[in-house]
PDB file of N, CA and C in Angstrom:
ATOM      1  N   MET A   1     150.870  77.553  65.451  1.00  0.00           N
ATOM      2  CA  MET A   1     151.829  77.028  67.039  1.00  0.00           C
ATOM      3  C   MET A   1     152.386  75.438  66.004  1.00  0.00           C
ATOM      4  N   ALA A   2     153.664  75.376  66.037  1.00  0.00           N
ATOM      5  CA  ALA A   2     154.022  74.053  66.207  1.00  0.00           C
ATOM      6  C   ALA A   2     154.060  72.837  66.588  1.00  0.00           C
ATOM      7  N   PRO A   3     153.627  71.997  66.046  1.00  0.00           N
ATOM      8  CA  PRO A   3     153.215  70.723  66.951  1.00  0.00           C
ATOM      9  C   PRO A   3     154.431  70.203  67.877  1.00  0.00           C
ATOM     10  N   CYS A   4     153.880  69.777  68.612  1.00  0.00           N
ATOM     11  CA  CYS A   4     155.311  69.016  69.628  1.00  0.00           C
ATOM     12  C   CYS A   4     154.569  67.972  70.150  1.00  0.00           C
ATOM     13  N   TYR A   5     155.522  66.679  70.188  1.00  0.00           N
ATOM     14  CA  TYR A   5     154.824  65.268  70.627  1.00  0.00           C
ATOM     15  C   TYR A   5     156.023  64.784  72.090  1.00  0.00           C
ATOM     16  N   THR A   6     155.618  64.503  72.689  1.00  0.00           N
ATOM     17  CA  THR A   6     156.500  64.141  74.060  1.00  0.00           C
ATOM     18  C   THR A   6     156.217  62.571  74.000  1.00  0.00           C
ATOM     19  N   LEU A   7     157.084  61.831  73.881  1.00  0.00           N
ATOM     20  CA  LEU A   7     157.319  59.797  73.765  1.00  0.00           C
ATOM     21  C   LEU A   7     157.930  59.689  75.247  1.00  0.00           C
ATOM     22  N   LYS A   8     157.462  58.683  75.484  1.00  0.00           N
ATOM     23  CA  LYS A   8     158.052  58.288  76.888  1.00  0.00           C
ATOM     24  C   LYS A   8     158.206  56.896  77.656  1.00  0.00           C
ATOM     25  N   ILE A   9     159.382  56.332  77.703  1.00  0.00           N
ATOM     26  CA  ILE A   9     159.916  54.719  77.923  1.00  0.00           C
ATOM     27  C   ILE A   9     159.853  55.203  79.317  1.00  0.00           C
ATOM     28  N   THR A  10     159.899  53.508  80.072  1.00  0.00           N
ATOM     29  CA  THR A  10     160.096  53.530  81.213  1.00  0.00           C
ATOM     30  C   THR A  10     161.071  52.006  81.367  1.00  0.00           C
ATOM     31  N   THR A  11     161.794  52.257  81.995  1.00  0.00           N
ATOM     32  CA  THR A  11     163.009  50.991  82.057  1.00  0.00           C
ATOM     33  C   THR A  11     163.136  50.802  83.689  1.00  0.00           C
ATOM     34  N   ASP A  12     164.548  49.668  83.675  1.00  0.00           N
ATOM     35  CA  ASP A  12     165.334  49.743  85.051  1.00  0.00           C
ATOM     36  C   ASP A  12     166.310  49.398  84.846  1.00  0.00           C
ATOM     37  N   PHE A  13     167.281  49.646  85.649  1.00  0.00           N
ATOM     38  CA  PHE A  13     168.711  48.395  85.506  1.00  0.00           C
ATOM     39  C   PHE A  13     169.204  48.442  87.344  1.00  0.00           C
ATOM     40  N   ALA A  14     170.090  47.488  87.455  1.00  0.00           N
ATOM     41  CA  ALA A  14     170.221  47.216  88.793  1.00  0.00           C
ATOM     42  C   ALA A  14     172.108  47.855  88.915  1.00  0.00           C
ATOM     43  N   ALA A  15     172.283  48.586  89.846  1.00  0.00           N
ATOM     44  CA  ALA A  15     173.645  48.924  89.951  1.00  0.00           C
ATOM     45  C   ALA A  15     174.166  48.804  91.392  1.00  0.00           C
ATOM     46  N   SER A  16     175.326  48.645  91.826  1.00  0.00           N
ATOM     47  CA  SER A  16     175.951  49.304  93.263  1.00  0.00           C
ATOM     48  C   SER A  16     176.888  50.625  92.849  1.00  0.00           C
ATOM     49  N   HIS A  17     177.102  51.495  93.345  1.00  0.00           N
ATOM     50  CA  HIS A  17     177.759  52.822  94.132  1.00  0.00           C
ATOM     51  C   HIS A  17     178.445  52.890  95.317  1.00  0.00           C
ATOM     52  N   ALA A  18     179.048  54.008  94.865  1.00  0.00           N
ATOM     53  CA  ALA A  18     179.844  54.625  96.527  1.00  0.00           C
ATOM     54  C   ALA A  18     180.015  55.976  95.842  1.00  0.00           C
ATOM     55  N   LEU A  19     179.163  56.563  97.047  1.00  0.00           N
ATOM     56  CA  LEU A  19     179.492  58.074  96.756  1.00  0.00           C
ATOM     57  C   LEU A  19     181.258  58.540  97.542  1.00  0.00           C
ATOM     58  N   ARG A  20     181.896  59.288  96.611  1.00  0.00           N
ATOM     59  CA  ARG A  20     183.322  59.784  96.648  1.00  0.00           C
ATOM     60  C   ARG A  20     183.043  61.322  97.112  1.00  0.00           C
ATOM     61  N   ASN A  21     183.924  61.695  98.744  1.00  0.00           N
ATOM     62  CA  ASN A  21     183.857  62.511  98.979  1.00  0.00           C
ATOM     63  C   ASN A  21     182.337  62.887  99.621  1.00  0.00           C
ATOM     64  N   TYR A  22     181.549  62.055  99.740  1.00  0.00           N
ATOM     65  CA  TYR A  22     180.363  62.200 101.109  1.00  0.00           C
ATOM     66  C   TYR A  22     180.514  61.759 102.187  1.00  0.00           C
ATOM     67  N   ALA A  23     179.973  62.808 103.191  1.00  0.00           N
ATOM     68  CA  ALA A  23     179.889  62.486 104.808  1.00  0.00           C
ATOM     69  C   ALA A  23     178.599  62.000 104.962  1.00  0.00           C
ATOM     70  N   GLY A  24     178.507  60.241 104.463  1.00  0.00           N
ATOM     71  CA  GLY A  24     177.294  59.745 104.824  1.00  0.00           C
ATOM     72  C   GLY A  24     177.073  58.589 104.996  1.00  0.00           C
ATOM     73  N   ALA A  25     175.890  57.849 104.704  1.00  0.00           N
ATOM     74  CA  ALA A  25     176.461  56.361 104.622  1.00  0.00           C
ATOM     75  C   ALA A  25     176.414  56.213 103.002  1.00  0.00           C
ATOM     76  N   CYS A  26     175.793  56.954 102.704  1.00  0.00           N
ATOM     77  CA  CYS A  26     176.266  56.642 101.274  1.00  0.00           C
ATOM     78  C   CYS A  26     177.626  56.715 100.380  1.00  0.00           C
ATOM     79  N   GLN A  27     178.623  56.879 101.348  1.00  0.00           N
ATOM     80  CA  GLN A  27     180.171  56.735 100.620  1.00  0.00           C
ATOM     81  C   GLN A  27     180.062  55.403 101.175  1.00  0.00           C
ATOM     82  N   ARG A  28     179.312  54.458 102.049  1.00  0.00           N
ATOM     83  CA  ARG A  28     179.914  53.152 101.688  1.00  0.00           C
ATOM     84  C   ARG A  28     178.999  52.627 100.312  1.00  0.00           C
ATOM     85  N   LEU A  29     179.394  51.190  99.782  1.00  0.00           N
ATOM     86  CA  LEU A  29     179.260  50.542  98.766  1.00  0.00           C
ATOM     87  C   LEU A  29     177.400  50.144  99.200  1.00  0.00           C
ATOM     88  N   HIS A  30     177.133  50.580  98.200  1.00  0.00           N
ATOM     89  CA  HIS A  30     175.510  50.370  98.645  1.00  0.00           C
ATOM     90  C   HIS A  30     174.437  50.390  96.538  1.00  0.00           C
ATOM     91  N   GLY A  31     173.708  49.430  96.651  1.00  0.00           N
ATOM     92  CA  GLY A  31     172.935  49.407  95.405  1.00  0.00           C
ATOM     93  C   GLY A  31     171.388  49.708  95.648  1.00  0.00           C
ATOM     94  N   HIS A  32     171.275  49.821  94.060  1.00  0.00           N
ATOM     95  CA  HIS A  32     169.686  50.436  94.101  1.00  0.00           C
ATOM     96  C   HIS A  32     169.017  49.613  92.565  1.00  0.00           C
ATOM     97  N   ASN A  33     167.550  49.562  92.716  1.00  0.00           N
ATOM     98  CA  ASN A  33     167.173  49.172  91.035  1.00  0.00           C
ATOM     99  C   ASN A  33     166.933  50.126  90.659  1.00  0.00           C
ATOM    100  N   TRP A  34     167.407  50.819  90.007  1.00  0.00           N
ATOM    101  CA  TRP A  34     167.392  52.290  89.323  1.00  0.00           C
ATOM    102  C   TRP A  34     166.230  52.138  88.252  1.00  0.00           C
ATOM    103  N   LYS A  35     165.291  53.173  88.521  1.00  0.00           N
ATOM    104  CA  LYS A  35     163.954  53.372  87.271  1.00  0.00           C
ATOM    105  C   LYS A  35     164.541  54.391  86.689  1.00  0.00           C
ATOM    106  N   VAL A  36     164.431  54.411  85.150  1.00  0.00           N
ATOM    107  CA  VAL A  36     164.619  55.676  84.203  1.00  0.00           C
ATOM    108  C   VAL A  36     163.728  55.821  83.413  1.00  0.00           C
ATOM    109  N   GLU A  37     163.120  57.192  82.993  1.00  0.00           N
ATOM    110  CA  GLU A  37     162.249  57.394  82.529  1.00  0.00           C
ATOM    111  C   GLU A  37     163.339  57.976  81.469  1.00  0.00           C
ATOM    112  N   VAL A  38     162.384  58.082  80.301  1.00  0.00           N
ATOM    113  CA  VAL A  38     163.496  58.666  78.760  1.00  0.00           C
ATOM    114  C   VAL A  38     162.339  59.463  77.844  1.00  0.00           C
ATOM    115  N   GLU A  39     161.996  60.591  78.014  1.00  0.00           N
ATOM    116  CA  GLU A  39     161.286  61.552  77.344  1.00  0.00           C
ATOM    117  C   GLU A  39     161.769  62.128  75.871  1.00  0.00           C
ATOM    118  N   VAL A  40     161.355  61.722  74.775  1.00  0.00           N
ATOM    119  CA  VAL A  40     161.842  62.334  73.626  1.00  0.00           C
ATOM    120  C   VAL A  40     160.740  63.241  73.207  1.00  0.00           C
ATOM    121  N   ARG A  41     161.244  64.068  72.298  1.00  0.00           N
ATOM    122  CA  ARG A  41     160.511  65.393  71.862  1.00  0.00           C
ATOM    123  C   ARG A  41     160.628  65.035  70.149  1.00  0.00           C
ATOM    124  N   ALA A  42     159.042  64.830  69.745  1.00  0.00           N
ATOM    125  CA  ALA A  42     158.841  64.980  67.847  1.00  0.00           C
ATOM    126  C   ALA A  42     158.553  66.216  67.923  1.00  0.00           C
ATOM    127  N   THR A  43     159.191  66.852  66.539  1.00  0.00           N
ATOM    128  CA  THR A  43     157.945  68.036  66.276  1.00  0.00           C
ATOM    129  C   THR A  43     157.813  67.592  64.860  1.00  0.00           C
ATOM    130  N   LYS A  44     157.579  66.325  64.411  1.00  0.00           N
ATOM    131  CA  LYS A  44     157.301  66.071  63.252  1.00  0.00           C
ATOM    132  C   LYS A  44     156.923  64.575  63.255  1.00  0.00           C
ATOM    133  N   LEU A  45     155.883  64.207  62.581  1.00  0.00           N
ATOM    134  CA  LEU A  45     155.255  62.551  62.564  1.00  0.00           C
ATOM    135  C   LEU A  45     155.658  62.320  60.888  1.00  0.00           C
ATOM    136  N   ASN A  46     155.903  60.866  61.124  1.00  0.00           N
ATOM    137  CA  ASN A  46     156.635  60.063  59.902  1.00  0.00           C
ATOM    138  C   ASN A  46     155.479  59.749  59.133  1.00  0.00           C
ATOM    139  N   ASP A  47     155.515  58.847  57.451  1.00  0.00           N
ATOM    140  CA  ASP A  47     154.603  58.405  57.579  1.00  0.00           C
ATOM    141  C   ASP A  47     153.408  57.667  57.885  1.00  0.00           C
ATOM    142  N   ALA A  48     154.165  57.257  58.675  1.00  0.00           N
ATOM    143  CA  ALA A  48     153.338  55.960  59.992  1.00  0.00           C
ATOM    144  C   ALA A  48     152.411  56.715  60.726  1.00  0.00           C
ATOM    145  N   GLY A  49     152.748  58.260  60.907  1.00  0.00           N
ATOM    146  CA  GLY A  49     151.881  58.742  61.764  1.00  0.00           C
ATOM    147  C   GLY A  49     152.339  58.821  62.981  1.00  0.00           C
ATOM    148  N   MET A  50     153.929  58.314  63.109  1.00  0.00           N
ATOM    149  CA  MET A  50     154.787  58.062  64.683  1.00  0.00           C
ATOM    150  C   MET A  50     155.803  59.566  64.812  1.00  0.00           C
ATOM    151  N   GLY A  51     156.202  59.710  65.866  1.00  0.00           N
ATOM    152  CA  GLY A  51     157.345  60.523  65.868  1.00  0.00           C
ATOM    153  C   GLY A  51     158.474  60.070  65.569  1.00  0.00           C
ATOM    154  N   ILE A  52     158.334  58.787  66.650  1.00  0.00           N
ATOM    155  CA  ILE A  52     160.121  57.919  66.464  1.00  0.00           C
ATOM    156  C   ILE A  52     158.722  56.402  67.395  1.00  0.00           C
ATOM    157  N   ASP A  53     159.341  55.652  66.562  1.00  0.00           N
ATOM    158  CA  ASP A  53     158.876  54.235  67.311  1.00  0.00           C
ATOM    159  C   ASP A  53     159.298  54.246  68.642  1.00  0.00           C
ATOM    160  N   PHE A  54     158.079  53.495  69.294  1.00  0.00           N
ATOM    161  CA  PHE A  54     158.977  53.262  70.431  1.00  0.00           C
ATOM    162  C   PHE A  54     160.159  52.353  70.984  1.00  0.00           C
ATOM    163  N   LYS A  55     159.782  51.320  69.857  1.00  0.00           N
ATOM    164  CA  LYS A  55     160.921  50.250  69.899  1.00  0.00           C
ATOM    165  C   LYS A  55     162.320  50.968  70.088  1.00  0.00           C
ATOM    166  N   THR A  56     162.594  51.800  68.588  1.00  0.00           N
ATOM    167  CA  THR A  56     163.800  52.793  68.877  1.00  0.00           C
ATOM    168  C   THR A  56     164.277  53.124  70.019  1.00  0.00           C
ATOM    169  N   ILE A  57     163.524  53.946  70.825  1.00  0.00           N
ATOM    170  CA  ILE A  57     163.664  54.732  71.870  1.00  0.00           C
ATOM    171  C   ILE A  57     164.281  53.282  72.714  1.00  0.00           C
ATOM    172  N   LYS A  58     163.270  52.265  73.171  1.00  0.00           N
ATOM    173  CA  LYS A  58     163.644  51.647  74.057  1.00  0.00           C
ATOM    174  C   LYS A  58     164.748  50.673  73.998  1.00  0.00           C
ATOM    175  N   GLN A  59     165.457  50.457  72.552  1.00  0.00           N
ATOM    176  CA  GLN A  59     166.500  49.802  71.916  1.00  0.00           C
ATOM    177  C   GLN A  59     167.689  50.432  72.369  1.00  0.00           C
ATOM    178  N   ALA A  60     167.611  52.590  72.358  1.00  0.00           N
ATOM    179  CA  ALA A  60     168.520  53.246  72.272  1.00  0.00           C
ATOM    180  C   ALA A  60     168.960  52.905  73.731  1.00  0.00           C
ATOM    181  N   THR A  61     168.022  53.254  74.410  1.00  0.00           N
ATOM    182  CA  THR A  61     168.151  52.911  76.436  1.00  0.00           C
ATOM    183  C   THR A  61     168.530  51.820  76.587  1.00  0.00           C
ATOM    184  N   LYS A  62     167.949  50.335  76.091  1.00  0.00           N
ATOM    185  CA  LYS A  62     168.453  49.296  76.690  1.00  0.00           C
ATOM    186  C   LYS A  62     169.896  49.089  76.454  1.00  0.00           C
ATOM    187  N   ASN A  63     170.659  49.706  75.524  1.00  0.00           N
ATOM    188  CA  ASN A  63     172.207  49.223  74.783  1.00  0.00           C
ATOM    189  C   ASN A  63     173.271  50.594  75.860  1.00  0.00           C
ATOM    190  N   VAL A  64     172.164  51.661  76.176  1.00  0.00           N
ATOM    191  CA  VAL A  64     172.962  51.967  76.770  1.00  0.00           C
ATOM    192  C   VAL A  64     172.550  51.631  78.785  1.00  0.00           C
ATOM    193  N   LEU A  65     171.741  51.056  79.133  1.00  0.00           N
ATOM    194  CA  LEU A  65     171.830  50.936  80.484  1.00  0.00           C
ATOM    195  C   LEU A  65     172.404  49.533  80.466  1.00  0.00           C
ATOM    196  N   GLU A  66     172.650  48.871  79.483  1.00  0.00           N
ATOM    197  CA  GLU A  66     173.935  47.398  79.505  1.00  0.00           C
ATOM    198  C   GLU A  66     174.806  47.614  80.114  1.00  0.00           C
ATOM    199  N   GLU A  67     175.324  48.626  79.620  1.00  0.00           N
ATOM    200  CA  GLU A  67     176.625  49.179  79.989  1.00  0.00           C
ATOM    201  C   GLU A  67     176.830  49.513  81.325  1.00  0.00           C
ATOM    202  N   LEU A  68     175.227  49.630  82.145  1.00  0.00           N
ATOM    203  CA  LEU A  68     175.525  49.855  83.763  1.00  0.00           C
ATOM    204  C   LEU A  68     174.619  48.780  84.476  1.00  0.00           C
ATOM    205  N   ASP A  69     173.720  48.050  84.040  1.00  0.00           N
ATOM    206  CA  ASP A  69     173.264  47.148  84.598  1.00  0.00           C
ATOM    207  C   ASP A  69     174.600  46.507  85.377  1.00  0.00           C
ATOM    208  N   HIS A  70     174.375  45.714  86.414  1.00  0.00           N
ATOM    209  CA  HIS A  70     174.733  44.951  87.319  1.00  0.00           C
ATOM    210  C   HIS A  70     176.363  44.844  87.698  1.00  0.00           C
ATOM    211  N   TYR A  71     176.750  46.198  87.574  1.00  0.00           N
ATOM    212  CA  TYR A  71     177.694  47.012  87.681  1.00  0.00           C
ATOM    213  C   TYR A  71     178.450  47.292  88.913  1.00  0.00           C
ATOM    214  N   HIS A  72     179.477  47.645  89.166  1.00  0.00           N
ATOM    215  CA  HIS A  72     179.831  48.885  90.767  1.00  0.00           C
ATOM    216  C   HIS A  72     179.990  50.014  89.584  1.00  0.00           C
ATOM    217  N   LEU A  73     179.342  50.804  89.510  1.00  0.00           N
ATOM    218  CA  LEU A  73     179.422  52.387  88.722  1.00  0.00           C
ATOM    219  C   LEU A  73     180.680  52.914  89.053  1.00  0.00           C
ATOM    220  N   ASN A  74     181.723  52.511  90.092  1.00  0.00           N
ATOM    221  CA  ASN A  74     182.131  53.780  90.481  1.00  0.00           C
ATOM    222  C   ASN A  74     183.781  53.102  89.509  1.00  0.00           C
ATOM    223  N   ASP A  75     183.525  51.787  89.094  1.00  0.00           N
ATOM    224  CA  ASP A  75     184.627  51.050  88.607  1.00  0.00           C
ATOM    225  C   ASP A  75     184.066  51.733  86.798  1.00  0.00           C
ATOM    226  N   LEU A  76     183.569  52.081  86.289  1.00  0.00           N
ATOM    227  CA  LEU A  76     183.217  52.067  85.029  1.00  0.00           C
ATOM    228  C   LEU A  76     183.833  53.356  84.639  1.00  0.00           C
ATOM    229  N   PRO A  77     184.722  53.433  83.366  1.00  0.00           N
ATOM    230  CA  PRO A  77     185.247  55.136  82.901  1.00  0.00           C
ATOM    231  C   PRO A  77     184.509  55.794  82.619  1.00  0.00           C
ATOM    232  N   ALA A  78     183.002  56.056  82.701  1.00  0.00           N
ATOM    233  CA  ALA A  78     182.160  57.169  82.824  1.00  0.00           C
ATOM    234  C   ALA A  78     182.132  57.777  84.293  1.00  0.00           C
ATOM    235  N   PHE A  79     182.712  56.912  85.315  1.00  0.00           N
ATOM    236  CA  PHE A  79     182.389  57.179  86.386  1.00  0.00           C
ATOM    237  C   PHE A  79     183.514  57.615  87.295  1.00  0.00           C
ATOM    238  N   SER A  80     184.765  57.437  86.740  1.00  0.00           N
ATOM    239  CA  SER A  80     186.094  56.989  86.947  1.00  0.00           C
ATOM    240  C   SER A  80     186.518  58.650  87.567  1.00  0.00           C
ATOM    241  N   GLU A  81     186.240  59.795  86.899  1.00  0.00           N
ATOM    242  CA  GLU A  81     186.285  60.937  88.017  1.00  0.00           C
ATOM    243  C   GLU A  81     185.449  61.672  88.409  1.00  0.00           C
ATOM    244  N   ILE A  82     183.793  61.030  88.014  1.00  0.00           N
ATOM    245  CA  ILE A  82     182.546  61.994  88.620  1.00  0.00           C
ATOM    246  C   ILE A  82     181.863  60.899  89.470  1.00  0.00           C
ATOM    247  N   ASN A  83     181.813  61.356  90.562  1.00  0.00           N
ATOM    248  CA  ASN A  83     180.713  60.719  91.381  1.00  0.00           C
ATOM    249  C   ASN A  83     179.408  59.999  90.284  1.00  0.00           C
ATOM    250  N   PRO A  84     179.671  58.310  91.015  1.00  0.00           N
ATOM    251  CA  PRO A  84     178.178  58.384  89.903  1.00  0.00           C
ATOM    252  C   PRO A  84     176.972  58.441  90.701  1.00  0.00           C
ATOM    253  N   THR A  85     176.549  59.900  90.722  1.00  0.00           N
ATOM    254  CA  THR A  85     175.791  60.038  91.820  1.00  0.00           C
ATOM    255  C   THR A  85     174.392  60.261  90.521  1.00  0.00           C
ATOM    256  N   ALA A  86     172.745  60.483  91.196  1.00  0.00           N
ATOM    257  CA  ALA A  86     171.963  60.402  90.153  1.00  0.00           C
ATOM    258  C   ALA A  86     171.623  61.019  89.205  1.00  0.00           C
ATOM    259  N   GLU A  87     172.238  62.488  90.012  1.00  0.00           N
ATOM    260  CA  GLU A  87     172.641  63.445  88.414  1.00  0.00           C
ATOM    261  C   GLU A  87     173.634  62.820  87.383  1.00  0.00           C
ATOM    262  N   ASN A  88     174.452  62.601  87.535  1.00  0.00           N
ATOM    263  CA  ASN A  88     175.082  62.276  86.977  1.00  0.00           C
ATOM    264  C   ASN A  88     175.203  61.193  85.848  1.00  0.00           C
ATOM    265  N   ILE A  89     174.359  60.319  86.950  1.00  0.00           N
ATOM    266  CA  ILE A  89     173.968  58.825  85.950  1.00  0.00           C
ATOM    267  C   ILE A  89     172.464  59.469  84.940  1.00  0.00           C
ATOM    268  N   ALA A  90     172.054  60.006  85.321  1.00  0.00           N
ATOM    269  CA  ALA A  90     170.875  60.962  84.551  1.00  0.00           C
ATOM    270  C   ALA A  90     171.934  61.295  83.146  1.00  0.00           C
ATOM    271  N   ALA A  91     172.520  62.354  83.358  1.00  0.00           N
ATOM    272  CA  ALA A  91     172.831  63.252  82.625  1.00  0.00           C
ATOM    273  C   ALA A  91     173.980  62.454  81.624  1.00  0.00           C
ATOM    274  N   TYR A  92     174.886  61.399  81.808  1.00  0.00           N
ATOM    275  CA  TYR A  92     175.269  60.116  81.113  1.00  0.00           C
ATOM    276  C   TYR A  92     174.622  59.419  80.144  1.00  0.00           C
ATOM    277  N   ILE A  93     172.999  59.180  80.759  1.00  0.00           N
ATOM    278  CA  ILE A  93     172.222  58.248  79.928  1.00  0.00           C
ATOM    279  C   ILE A  93     171.619  58.983  78.760  1.00  0.00           C
ATOM    280  N   PHE A  94     171.561  60.725  79.115  1.00  0.00           N
ATOM    281  CA  PHE A  94     170.891  61.258  78.382  1.00  0.00           C
ATOM    282  C   PHE A  94     171.858  61.614  77.151  1.00  0.00           C
ATOM    283  N   GLN A  95     173.141  61.951  77.356  1.00  0.00           N
ATOM    284  CA  GLN A  95     173.812  62.027  76.627  1.00  0.00           C
ATOM    285  C   GLN A  95     174.156  60.504  75.326  1.00  0.00           C
ATOM    286  N   GLN A  96     174.089  59.707  76.152  1.00  0.00           N
ATOM    287  CA  GLN A  96     174.568  58.302  75.515  1.00  0.00           C
ATOM    288  C   GLN A  96     173.127  58.069  74.512  1.00  0.00           C
ATOM    289  N   VAL A  97     172.084  58.085  75.066  1.00  0.00           N
ATOM    290  CA  VAL A  97     170.637  57.905  74.173  1.00  0.00           C
ATOM    291  C   VAL A  97     170.553  59.406  73.311  1.00  0.00           C
ATOM    292  N   SER A  98     170.737  60.450  73.218  1.00  0.00           N
ATOM    293  CA  SER A  98     170.616  61.266  72.178  1.00  0.00           C
ATOM    294  C   SER A  98     171.958  61.019  71.158  1.00  0.00           C
ATOM    295  N   ASN A  99     172.751  60.477  71.504  1.00  0.00           N
ATOM    296  CA  ASN A  99     173.926  60.561  70.601  1.00  0.00           C
ATOM    297  C   ASN A  99     173.337  59.388  69.252  1.00  0.00           C
ATOM    298  N   MET A 100     172.467  58.407  70.321  1.00  0.00           N
ATOM    299  CA  MET A 100     171.931  57.237  69.035  1.00  0.00           C
ATOM    300  C   MET A 100     170.841  57.595  68.610  1.00  0.00           C
ATOM    301  N   ILE A 101     169.778  58.693  68.926  1.00  0.00           N
ATOM    302  CA  ILE A 101     168.521  58.802  68.393  1.00  0.00           C
ATOM    303  C   ILE A 101     167.805  60.188  68.066  1.00  0.00           C
ATOM    304  N   ASN A 102     168.676  61.354  68.333  1.00  0.00           N
ATOM    305  CA  ASN A 102     168.684  62.387  67.930  1.00  0.00           C
ATOM    306  C   ASN A 102     168.578  62.692  66.220  1.00  0.00           C
ATOM    307  N   GLN A 103     167.869  63.453  65.797  1.00  0.00           N
ATOM    308  CA  GLN A 103     167.898  63.602  64.581  1.00  0.00           C
ATOM    309  C   GLN A 103     167.147  65.086  64.158  1.00  0.00           C
ATOM    310  N   GLU A 104     167.021  65.602  62.945  1.00  0.00           N
ATOM    311  CA  GLU A 104     166.498  67.016  62.862  1.00  0.00           C
ATOM    312  C   GLU A 104     165.074  67.095  63.521  1.00  0.00           C
ATOM    313  N   TYR A 105     164.190  66.132  63.833  1.00  0.00           N
ATOM    314  CA  TYR A 105     162.740  66.527  64.133  1.00  0.00           C
ATOM    315  C   TYR A 105     162.356  65.514  65.779  1.00  0.00           C
ATOM    316  N   ILE A 106     163.718  64.961  65.889  1.00  0.00           N
ATOM    317  CA  ILE A 106     163.786  63.876  67.124  1.00  0.00           C
ATOM    318  C   ILE A 106     164.697  64.016  68.035  1.00  0.00           C
ATOM    319  N   THR A 107     164.460  64.492  69.234  1.00  0.00           N
ATOM    320  CA  THR A 107     165.739  65.320  70.537  1.00  0.00           C
ATOM    321  C   THR A 107     164.788  64.432  71.519  1.00  0.00           C
ATOM    322  N   VAL A 108     166.340  64.124  71.994  1.00  0.00           N
ATOM    323  CA  VAL A 108     165.597  63.638  73.577  1.00  0.00           C
ATOM    324  C   VAL A 108     165.730  64.547  74.282  1.00  0.00           C
ATOM    325  N   LEU A 109     164.706  65.027  75.415  1.00  0.00           N
ATOM    326  CA  LEU A 109     163.963  65.881  75.944  1.00  0.00           C
ATOM    327  C   LEU A 109     164.940  66.027  77.612  1.00  0.00           C
ATOM    328  N   ALA A 110     164.772  64.477  77.850  1.00  0.00           N
ATOM    329  CA  ALA A 110     164.986  64.626  79.485  1.00  0.00           C
ATOM    330  C   ALA A 110     164.657  62.986  80.073  1.00  0.00           C
ATOM    331  N   ILE A 111     165.760  62.660  80.525  1.00  0.00           N
ATOM    332  CA  ILE A 111     166.282  61.428  81.624  1.00  0.00           C
ATOM    333  C   ILE A 111     165.339  61.771  82.974  1.00  0.00           C
ATOM    334  N   THR A 112     165.053  60.562  83.439  1.00  0.00           N
ATOM    335  CA  THR A 112     164.319  60.924  84.763  1.00  0.00           C
ATOM    336  C   THR A 112     164.901  59.742  85.689  1.00  0.00           C
ATOM    337  N   VAL A 113     166.018  59.707  86.248  1.00  0.00           N
ATOM    338  CA  VAL A 113     166.402  58.792  86.983  1.00  0.00           C
ATOM    339  C   VAL A 113     165.684  58.385  88.669  1.00  0.00           C
ATOM    340  N   TRP A 114     165.327  57.398  88.858  1.00  0.00           N
ATOM    341  CA  TRP A 114     164.585  57.290  90.328  1.00  0.00           C
ATOM    342  C   TRP A 114     165.399  56.410  90.738  1.00  0.00           C
ATOM    343  N   GLU A 115     166.248  57.075  92.130  1.00  0.00           N
ATOM    344  CA  GLU A 115     166.975  56.121  92.968  1.00  0.00           C
ATOM    345  C   GLU A 115     166.278  54.989  94.036  1.00  0.00           C
ATOM    346  N   THR A 116     165.217  56.060  94.185  1.00  0.00           N
ATOM    347  CA  THR A 116     164.102  54.993  95.102  1.00  0.00           C
ATOM    348  C   THR A 116     162.713  55.237  94.714  1.00  0.00           C
ATOM    349  N   ASP A 117     162.046  54.870  95.245  1.00  0.00           N
ATOM    350  CA  ASP A 117     160.410  55.295  94.810  1.00  0.00           C
ATOM    351  C   ASP A 117     160.307  56.255  95.489  1.00  0.00           C
ATOM    352  N   ARG A 118     160.722  57.260  96.029  1.00  0.00           N
ATOM    353  CA  ARG A 118     160.341  58.652  96.691  1.00  0.00           C
ATOM    354  C   ARG A 118     161.687  59.509  96.183  1.00  0.00           C
ATOM    355  N   ALA A 119     162.668  59.525  95.412  1.00  0.00           N
ATOM    356  CA  ALA A 119     163.758  60.513  95.241  1.00  0.00           C
ATOM    357  C   ALA A 119     164.270  59.927  94.059  1.00  0.00           C
ATOM    358  N   CYS A 120     164.632  61.086  92.828  1.00  0.00           N
ATOM    359  CA  CYS A 120     164.178  61.373  91.794  1.00  0.00           C
ATOM    360  C   CYS A 120     165.147  62.488  90.886  1.00  0.00           C
ATOM    361  N   VAL A 121     165.803  62.407  90.053  1.00  0.00           N
ATOM    362  CA  VAL A 121     165.903  63.942  89.450  1.00  0.00           C
ATOM    363  C   VAL A 121     165.940  63.032  87.742  1.00  0.00           C
ATOM    364  N   ARG A 122     165.523  64.769  87.813  1.00  0.00           N
ATOM    365  CA  ARG A 122     165.486  64.871  86.199  1.00  0.00           C
ATOM    366  C   ARG A 122     166.084  65.709  85.334  1.00  0.00           C
ATOM    367  N   TYR A 123     166.627  65.146  84.511  1.00  0.00           N
ATOM    368  CA  TYR A 123     168.315  65.783  83.567  1.00  0.00           C
ATOM    369  C   TYR A 123     167.501  66.154  82.244  1.00  0.00           C
ATOM    370  N   THR A 124     168.013  68.044  82.037  1.00  0.00           N
ATOM    371  CA  THR A 124     167.218  68.128  80.327  1.00  0.00           C
ATOM    372  C   THR A 124     168.420  69.156  79.981  1.00  0.00           C
ATOM    373  N   GLU A 125     168.315  69.183  78.436  1.00  0.00           N
ATOM    374  CA  GLU A 125     169.499  70.529  78.236  1.00  0.00           C
ATOM    375  C   GLU A 125     168.965  71.532  77.517  1.00  0.00           C
ATOM    376  N   GLU A 126     167.646  72.156  78.285  1.00  0.00           N
ATOM    377  CA  GLU A 126     166.918  72.959  77.578  1.00  0.00           C
ATOM    378  C   GLU A 126     167.270  74.679  77.904  1.00  0.00           C
TER     379      GLU A 126
END
């Protein structure tokens, strides 16, 4: 059986959004302190015994979240055509972080976006 390591970091950002074509309170402008979990799969270790340095995962995630932090998500190009739902935010972060860190033995496994302490979505492309 091949080795597999799952590395995980947790961070957050704050942003507002309003859901289009939604009948309910969330159609109005409101904000969240979003929590983001990034899970990365490594199938091989480097010479230092690491799959990938946590600093690399943190920096890639920080770069993506800086584009979202303290913005109204509906105004951003990534969400001009699609709703900035937790689902779409998770998929966006997944794609952006993947573009930065995926390699032969390193891949983003999943992104979990917590909209509140009690509600989250986990996005993966398995």
